[in-house]
Amino acid sequence: GTIFPVQQSTMSVRRALAVAGLVLLALPFLTGCLRVQASMGISSDDRVSGQIVAATIPADEEDNGPQLVAPASLEGKVQVQQYEQDGYVGSQAYFSGLTFGDVQQLMTMSEQGAGMLQLNLQRNGDLVSLNGRVDLESAPSLGTDVQFTIAFPARVATTNGTRESDSIVTWKLPAGEVSTLRAEVRY
């Protein structure tokens, strides 16, 4: 099930591309049911904002689930809080005003998960390209639900994700596989 809805208003769909980096880097340490859902967006001035939830069913009372840690270089742009809902525990991160360069910095959040997520946003004239690679080979095969939704400020020209509307794309990433994320938008 969905943890939070992707709403259609301009502010609420401006979610951070970077948020996926936080959660997916934590995956090698998770067992059992895993819930990772990110909604994010890019504004017309190339700023990235968003939120993400990383949660698991706790193994015992001491299990707080996956814990996201904001990199020091992005202090003030990333806020993390505890998450507890539907029997899942973990953490939830909120982002705002990230540059494309800031998104790259988020990939350094976990040395243990280095290389699990590669994400690149580039602008060339009026063309913005998203290219990503997500390695979920070590994620638990049962009960894994990893979804990544991006709202762009204009119609998506090409993508290998599922189009939710002209400007919103979702990827449902399977456990046990390496997946790619691609999208191109002109604005």
C-alpha atoms as a PDB file:
ATOM      1  CA  GLY A   1       0.000   0.000   0.000  1.00  0.00           C
ATOM      2  CA  THR A   2       0.937   3.606  -0.390  1.00  0.00           C
ATOM      3  CA  ILE A   3       2.347   5.388   2.637  1.00  0.00           C
ATOM      4  CA  PHE A   4       1.496   8.858   1.429  1.00  0.00           C
ATOM      5  CA  PRO A   5      -0.410  10.048  -1.615  1.00  0.00           C
ATOM      6  CA  VAL A   6       1.235  11.970  -4.395  1.00  0.00           C
ATOM      7  CA  GLN A   7      -0.941  15.034  -4.576  1.00  0.00           C
ATOM      8  CA  GLN A   8      -1.447  17.100  -7.692  1.00  0.00           C
ATOM      9  CA  SER A   9      -0.869  20.611  -6.318  1.00  0.00           C
ATOM     10  CA  THR A  10       2.344  22.324  -7.390  1.00  0.00           C
ATOM     11  CA  MET A  11       3.846  22.530  -3.899  1.00  0.00           C
ATOM     12  CA  SER A  12       3.050  18.976  -2.830  1.00  0.00           C
ATOM     13  CA  VAL A  13       4.425  17.357  -5.972  1.00  0.00           C
ATOM     14  CA  ARG A  14       7.749  19.135  -5.683  1.00  0.00           C
ATOM     15  CA  ARG A  15       9.462  16.210  -4.068  1.00  0.00           C
ATOM     16  CA  ALA A  16      13.167  15.508  -3.883  1.00  0.00           C
ATOM     17  CA  LEU A  17      14.851  13.193  -6.289  1.00  0.00           C
ATOM     18  CA  ALA A  18      17.536  12.839  -3.683  1.00  0.00           C
ATOM     19  CA  VAL A  19      15.314  11.129  -1.178  1.00  0.00           C
ATOM     20  CA  ALA A  20      15.669   7.784  -2.864  1.00  0.00           C
ATOM     21  CA  GLY A  21      19.374   7.900  -2.119  1.00  0.00           C
ATOM     22  CA  LEU A  22      18.786   8.029   1.610  1.00  0.00           C
ATOM     23  CA  VAL A  23      16.544   5.026   1.787  1.00  0.00           C
ATOM     24  CA  LEU A  24      17.980   2.711  -0.791  1.00  0.00           C
ATOM     25  CA  LEU A  25      21.455   3.015   0.699  1.00  0.00           C
ATOM     26  CA  ALA A  26      20.103   1.419   3.879  1.00  0.00           C
ATOM     27  CA  LEU A  27      18.721  -1.676   2.147  1.00  0.00           C
ATOM     28  CA  PRO A  28      21.659  -4.091   2.567  1.00  0.00           C
ATOM     29  CA  PHE A  29      21.002  -4.196   6.319  1.00  0.00           C
ATOM     30  CA  LEU A  30      17.296  -4.892   6.143  1.00  0.00           C
ATOM     31  CA  THR A  31      15.508  -8.209   6.469  1.00  0.00           C
ATOM     32  CA  GLY A  32      11.835  -9.081   6.388  1.00  0.00           C
ATOM     33  CA  CYS A  33       9.095  -6.797   5.128  1.00  0.00           C
ATOM     34  CA  LEU A  34      10.494  -3.608   3.651  1.00  0.00           C
ATOM     35  CA  ARG A  35       8.579  -0.465   2.715  1.00  0.00           C
ATOM     36  CA  VAL A  36      10.342   2.325   0.861  1.00  0.00           C
ATOM     37  CA  GLN A  37       8.243   4.974  -0.815  1.00  0.00           C
ATOM     38  CA  ALA A  38       9.466   8.302  -2.075  1.00  0.00           C
ATOM     39  CA  SER A  39       7.586  11.133  -3.702  1.00  0.00           C
ATOM     40  CA  MET A  40       9.620  13.977  -5.058  1.00  0.00           C
ATOM     41  CA  GLY A  41       9.625  16.764  -7.574  1.00  0.00           C
ATOM     42  CA  ILE A  42      11.702  19.156  -9.563  1.00  0.00           C
ATOM     43  CA  SER A  43      10.653  22.801  -9.872  1.00  0.00           C
ATOM     44  CA  SER A  44      11.026  24.884 -13.008  1.00  0.00           C
ATOM     45  CA  ASP A  45      14.114  26.568 -11.477  1.00  0.00           C
ATOM     46  CA  ASP A  46      15.852  23.164 -11.045  1.00  0.00           C
ATOM     47  CA  ARG A  47      15.269  22.879  -7.304  1.00  0.00           C
ATOM     48  CA  VAL A  48      14.507  19.451  -5.876  1.00  0.00           C
ATOM     49  CA  SER A  49      12.249  18.873  -2.849  1.00  0.00           C
ATOM     50  CA  GLY A  50      10.548  15.853  -1.359  1.00  0.00           C
ATOM     51  CA  GLN A  51       9.936  13.286   1.301  1.00  0.00           C
ATOM     52  CA  ILE A  52      10.669   9.623   1.807  1.00  0.00           C
ATOM     53  CA  VAL A  53       9.794   6.849   4.220  1.00  0.00           C
ATOM     54  CA  ALA A  54      12.025   3.860   4.988  1.00  0.00           C
ATOM     55  CA  ALA A  55      10.410   1.293   7.257  1.00  0.00           C
ATOM     56  CA  THR A  56      10.355  -2.385   8.195  1.00  0.00           C
ATOM     57  CA  ILE A  57       8.298  -4.645  10.449  1.00  0.00           C
ATOM     58  CA  PRO A  58      10.345  -4.623  13.698  1.00  0.00           C
ATOM     59  CA  ALA A  59      12.049  -7.876  14.738  1.00  0.00           C
ATOM     60  CA  ASP A  60      11.609  -7.007  18.437  1.00  0.00           C
ATOM     61  CA  GLU A  61      10.871  -4.082  20.777  1.00  0.00           C
ATOM     62  CA  GLU A  62      14.426  -2.762  20.384  1.00  0.00           C
ATOM     63  CA  ASP A  63      14.218  -2.637  16.572  1.00  0.00           C
ATOM     64  CA  ASN A  64      13.702   0.953  15.371  1.00  0.00           C
ATOM     65  CA  GLY A  65      13.907   0.063  11.677  1.00  0.00           C
ATOM     66  CA  PRO A  66      16.129   1.775   9.093  1.00  0.00           C
ATOM     67  CA  GLN A  67      17.577   5.081  10.269  1.00  0.00           C
ATOM     68  CA  LEU A  68      18.286   7.799   7.725  1.00  0.00           C
ATOM     69  CA  VAL A  69      21.166  10.180   8.435  1.00  0.00           C
ATOM     70  CA  ALA A  70      21.435  13.533   6.680  1.00  0.00           C
ATOM     71  CA  PRO A  71      24.928  14.372   5.388  1.00  0.00           C
ATOM     72  CA  ALA A  72      26.586  17.292   7.172  1.00  0.00           C
ATOM     73  CA  SER A  73      27.057  19.061   3.819  1.00  0.00           C
ATOM     74  CA  LEU A  74      23.273  19.386   3.487  1.00  0.00           C
ATOM     75  CA  GLU A  75      22.555  20.594   7.023  1.00  0.00           C
ATOM     76  CA  GLY A  76      19.415  22.724   7.039  1.00  0.00           C
ATOM     77  CA  LYS A  77      18.123  21.242   3.787  1.00  0.00           C
ATOM     78  CA  VAL A  78      17.303  17.748   5.090  1.00  0.00           C
ATOM     79  CA  GLN A  79      15.203  16.949   8.173  1.00  0.00           C
ATOM     80  CA  VAL A  80      14.807  13.398   9.502  1.00  0.00           C
ATOM     81  CA  GLN A  81      12.240  12.156  11.996  1.00  0.00           C
ATOM     82  CA  GLN A  82      11.097   8.821  13.396  1.00  0.00           C
ATOM     83  CA  TYR A  83       8.325   6.971  11.552  1.00  0.00           C
ATOM     84  CA  GLU A  84       5.798   4.529  13.005  1.00  0.00           C
ATOM     85  CA  GLN A  85       2.669   3.475  11.110  1.00  0.00           C
ATOM     86  CA  ASP A  86       0.731   0.316  10.203  1.00  0.00           C
ATOM     87  CA  GLY A  87       3.093  -1.817  12.294  1.00  0.00           C
ATOM     88  CA  TYR A  88       6.145  -0.512  10.443  1.00  0.00           C
ATOM     89  CA  VAL A  89       8.960   1.454  12.095  1.00  0.00           C
ATOM     90  CA  GLY A  90      11.781   3.471  10.605  1.00  0.00           C
ATOM     91  CA  SER A  91      12.433   7.042   9.651  1.00  0.00           C
ATOM     92  CA  GLN A  92      11.084   9.730   7.368  1.00  0.00           C
ATOM     93  CA  ALA A  93      13.124  12.441   5.654  1.00  0.00           C
ATOM     94  CA  TYR A  94      12.000  15.757   4.202  1.00  0.00           C
ATOM     95  CA  PHE A  95      14.005  17.826   1.703  1.00  0.00           C
ATOM     96  CA  SER A  96      13.644  21.208   0.096  1.00  0.00           C
ATOM     97  CA  GLY A  97      15.593  23.471  -2.202  1.00  0.00           C
ATOM     98  CA  LEU A  98      18.242  20.958  -3.250  1.00  0.00           C
ATOM     99  CA  THR A  99      20.301  21.716  -6.352  1.00  0.00           C
ATOM    100  CA  PHE A 100      21.177  18.979  -8.846  1.00  0.00           C
ATOM    101  CA  GLY A 101      24.643  18.985  -7.222  1.00  0.00           C
ATOM    102  CA  ASP A 102      23.115  18.514  -3.751  1.00  0.00           C
ATOM    103  CA  VAL A 103      21.322  15.433  -5.054  1.00  0.00           C
ATOM    104  CA  GLN A 104      24.703  13.914  -5.896  1.00  0.00           C
ATOM    105  CA  GLN A 105      25.969  14.625  -2.347  1.00  0.00           C
ATOM    106  CA  LEU A 106      23.175  12.525  -0.887  1.00  0.00           C
ATOM    107  CA  MET A 107      24.711   9.465  -2.517  1.00  0.00           C
ATOM    108  CA  THR A 108      27.520   9.607   0.094  1.00  0.00           C
ATOM    109  CA  MET A 109      25.171   9.006   3.042  1.00  0.00           C
ATOM    110  CA  SER A 110      26.243   5.435   3.763  1.00  0.00           C
ATOM    111  CA  GLU A 111      29.657   3.893   3.149  1.00  0.00           C
ATOM    112  CA  GLN A 112      28.149   0.401   3.513  1.00  0.00           C
ATOM    113  CA  GLY A 113      25.615   1.103   0.789  1.00  0.00           C
ATOM    114  CA  ALA A 114      28.004   2.844  -1.599  1.00  0.00           C
ATOM    115  CA  GLY A 115      27.256   1.963  -5.190  1.00  0.00           C
ATOM    116  CA  MET A 116      23.753   0.697  -4.468  1.00  0.00           C
ATOM    117  CA  LEU A 117      22.134   3.820  -5.888  1.00  0.00           C
ATOM    118  CA  GLN A 118      23.566   5.950  -8.650  1.00  0.00           C
ATOM    119  CA  LEU A 119      21.493   8.966  -9.618  1.00  0.00           C
ATOM    120  CA  ASN A 120      22.352  11.743 -12.027  1.00  0.00           C
ATOM    121  CA  LEU A 121      20.363  14.835 -13.019  1.00  0.00           C
ATOM    122  CA  GLN A 122      21.752  16.941 -15.849  1.00  0.00           C
ATOM    123  CA  ARG A 123      20.609  19.982 -17.797  1.00  0.00           C
ATOM    124  CA  ASN A 124      21.660  20.541 -21.415  1.00  0.00           C
ATOM    125  CA  GLY A 125      19.944  23.659 -22.767  1.00  0.00           C
ATOM    126  CA  ASP A 126      16.222  23.099 -22.142  1.00  0.00           C
ATOM    127  CA  LEU A 127      16.614  19.296 -21.774  1.00  0.00           C
ATOM    128  CA  VAL A 128      16.803  17.810 -18.258  1.00  0.00           C
ATOM    129  CA  SER A 129      17.836  14.159 -18.076  1.00  0.00           C
ATOM    130  CA  LEU A 130      17.443  11.746 -15.168  1.00  0.00           C
ATOM    131  CA  ASN A 131      19.565   8.605 -15.231  1.00  0.00           C
ATOM    132  CA  GLY A 132      19.681   6.202 -12.322  1.00  0.00           C
ATOM    133  CA  ARG A 133      20.705   2.688 -11.381  1.00  0.00           C
ATOM    134  CA  VAL A 134      19.288   0.942  -8.304  1.00  0.00           C
ATOM    135  CA  ASP A 135      20.742  -2.347  -7.045  1.00  0.00           C
ATOM    136  CA  LEU A 136      18.197  -4.253  -4.936  1.00  0.00           C
ATOM    137  CA  GLU A 137      19.873  -7.649  -5.299  1.00  0.00           C
ATOM    138  CA  SER A 138      20.365  -7.869  -1.510  1.00  0.00           C
ATOM    139  CA  ALA A 139      16.832  -6.693  -0.612  1.00  0.00           C
ATOM    140  CA  PRO A 140      14.478  -9.309   0.893  1.00  0.00           C
ATOM    141  CA  SER A 141      12.465 -10.956  -1.880  1.00  0.00           C
ATOM    142  CA  LEU A 142       9.265 -11.306   0.154  1.00  0.00           C
ATOM    143  CA  GLY A 143       7.416  -8.242   1.377  1.00  0.00           C
ATOM    144  CA  THR A 144       9.604  -5.691  -0.397  1.00  0.00           C
ATOM    145  CA  ASP A 145       7.748  -2.631  -1.730  1.00  0.00           C
ATOM    146  CA  VAL A 146      10.046   0.017  -3.212  1.00  0.00           C
ATOM    147  CA  GLN A 147       8.442   2.849  -5.193  1.00  0.00           C
ATOM    148  CA  PHE A 148       9.948   6.012  -6.582  1.00  0.00           C
ATOM    149  CA  THR A 149       7.737   8.842  -7.930  1.00  0.00           C
ATOM    150  CA  ILE A 150       8.974  12.032  -9.591  1.00  0.00           C
ATOM    151  CA  ALA A 151       6.932  15.069 -10.570  1.00  0.00           C
ATOM    152  CA  PHE A 152       8.521  17.209 -13.264  1.00  0.00           C
ATOM    153  CA  PRO A 153       7.535  20.822 -14.078  1.00  0.00           C
ATOM    154  CA  ALA A 154       6.624  19.900 -17.671  1.00  0.00           C
ATOM    155  CA  ARG A 155       5.489  16.958 -19.792  1.00  0.00           C
ATOM    156  CA  VAL A 156       7.854  13.982 -19.682  1.00  0.00           C
ATOM    157  CA  ALA A 157       9.186  13.366 -23.208  1.00  0.00           C
ATOM    158  CA  THR A 158      10.589   9.844 -22.666  1.00  0.00           C
ATOM    159  CA  THR A 159      10.845   7.479 -19.685  1.00  0.00           C
ATOM    160  CA  ASN A 160      11.126   3.806 -18.785  1.00  0.00           C
ATOM    161  CA  GLY A 161       8.816   4.336 -15.787  1.00  0.00           C
ATOM    162  CA  THR A 162       5.018   4.290 -15.580  1.00  0.00           C
ATOM    163  CA  ARG A 163       3.351   7.585 -16.492  1.00  0.00           C
ATOM    164  CA  GLU A 164       0.879   8.643 -13.781  1.00  0.00           C
ATOM    165  CA  SER A 165       0.147  11.836 -15.761  1.00  0.00           C
ATOM    166  CA  ASP A 166       1.930  13.982 -18.348  1.00  0.00           C
ATOM    167  CA  SER A 167       4.482  15.167 -15.780  1.00  0.00           C
ATOM    168  CA  ILE A 168       4.545  12.439 -13.080  1.00  0.00           C
ATOM    169  CA  VAL A 169       6.411   9.136 -13.431  1.00  0.00           C
ATOM    170  CA  THR A 170       6.540   6.168 -11.018  1.00  0.00           C
ATOM    171  CA  TRP A 171       8.987   3.286 -10.862  1.00  0.00           C
ATOM    172  CA  LYS A 172       8.176   0.134  -8.846  1.00  0.00           C
ATOM    173  CA  LEU A 173      11.540  -1.479  -8.220  1.00  0.00           C
ATOM    174  CA  PRO A 174      11.697  -5.277  -7.811  1.00  0.00           C
ATOM    175  CA  ALA A 175      13.803  -6.955  -5.123  1.00  0.00           C
ATOM    176  CA  GLY A 176      16.619  -9.201  -6.301  1.00  0.00           C
ATOM    177  CA  GLU A 177      17.327  -7.123  -9.408  1.00  0.00           C
ATOM    178  CA  VAL A 178      19.284  -4.149 -10.679  1.00  0.00           C
ATOM    179  CA  SER A 179      16.921  -1.555 -12.164  1.00  0.00           C
ATOM    180  CA  THR A 180      17.476   1.564 -14.238  1.00  0.00           C
ATOM    181  CA  LEU A 181      15.545   4.825 -14.070  1.00  0.00           C
ATOM    182  CA  ARG A 182      15.392   7.075 -17.111  1.00  0.00           C
ATOM    183  CA  ALA A 183      13.438  10.196 -17.991  1.00  0.00           C
ATOM    184  CA  GLU A 184      13.877  13.235 -20.217  1.00  0.00           C
ATOM    185  CA  VAL A 185      11.933  16.489 -19.891  1.00  0.00           C
ATOM    186  CA  ARG A 186      12.188  19.791 -21.790  1.00  0.00           C
ATOM    187  CA  TYR A 187      11.520  23.005 -19.885  1.00  0.00           C
END
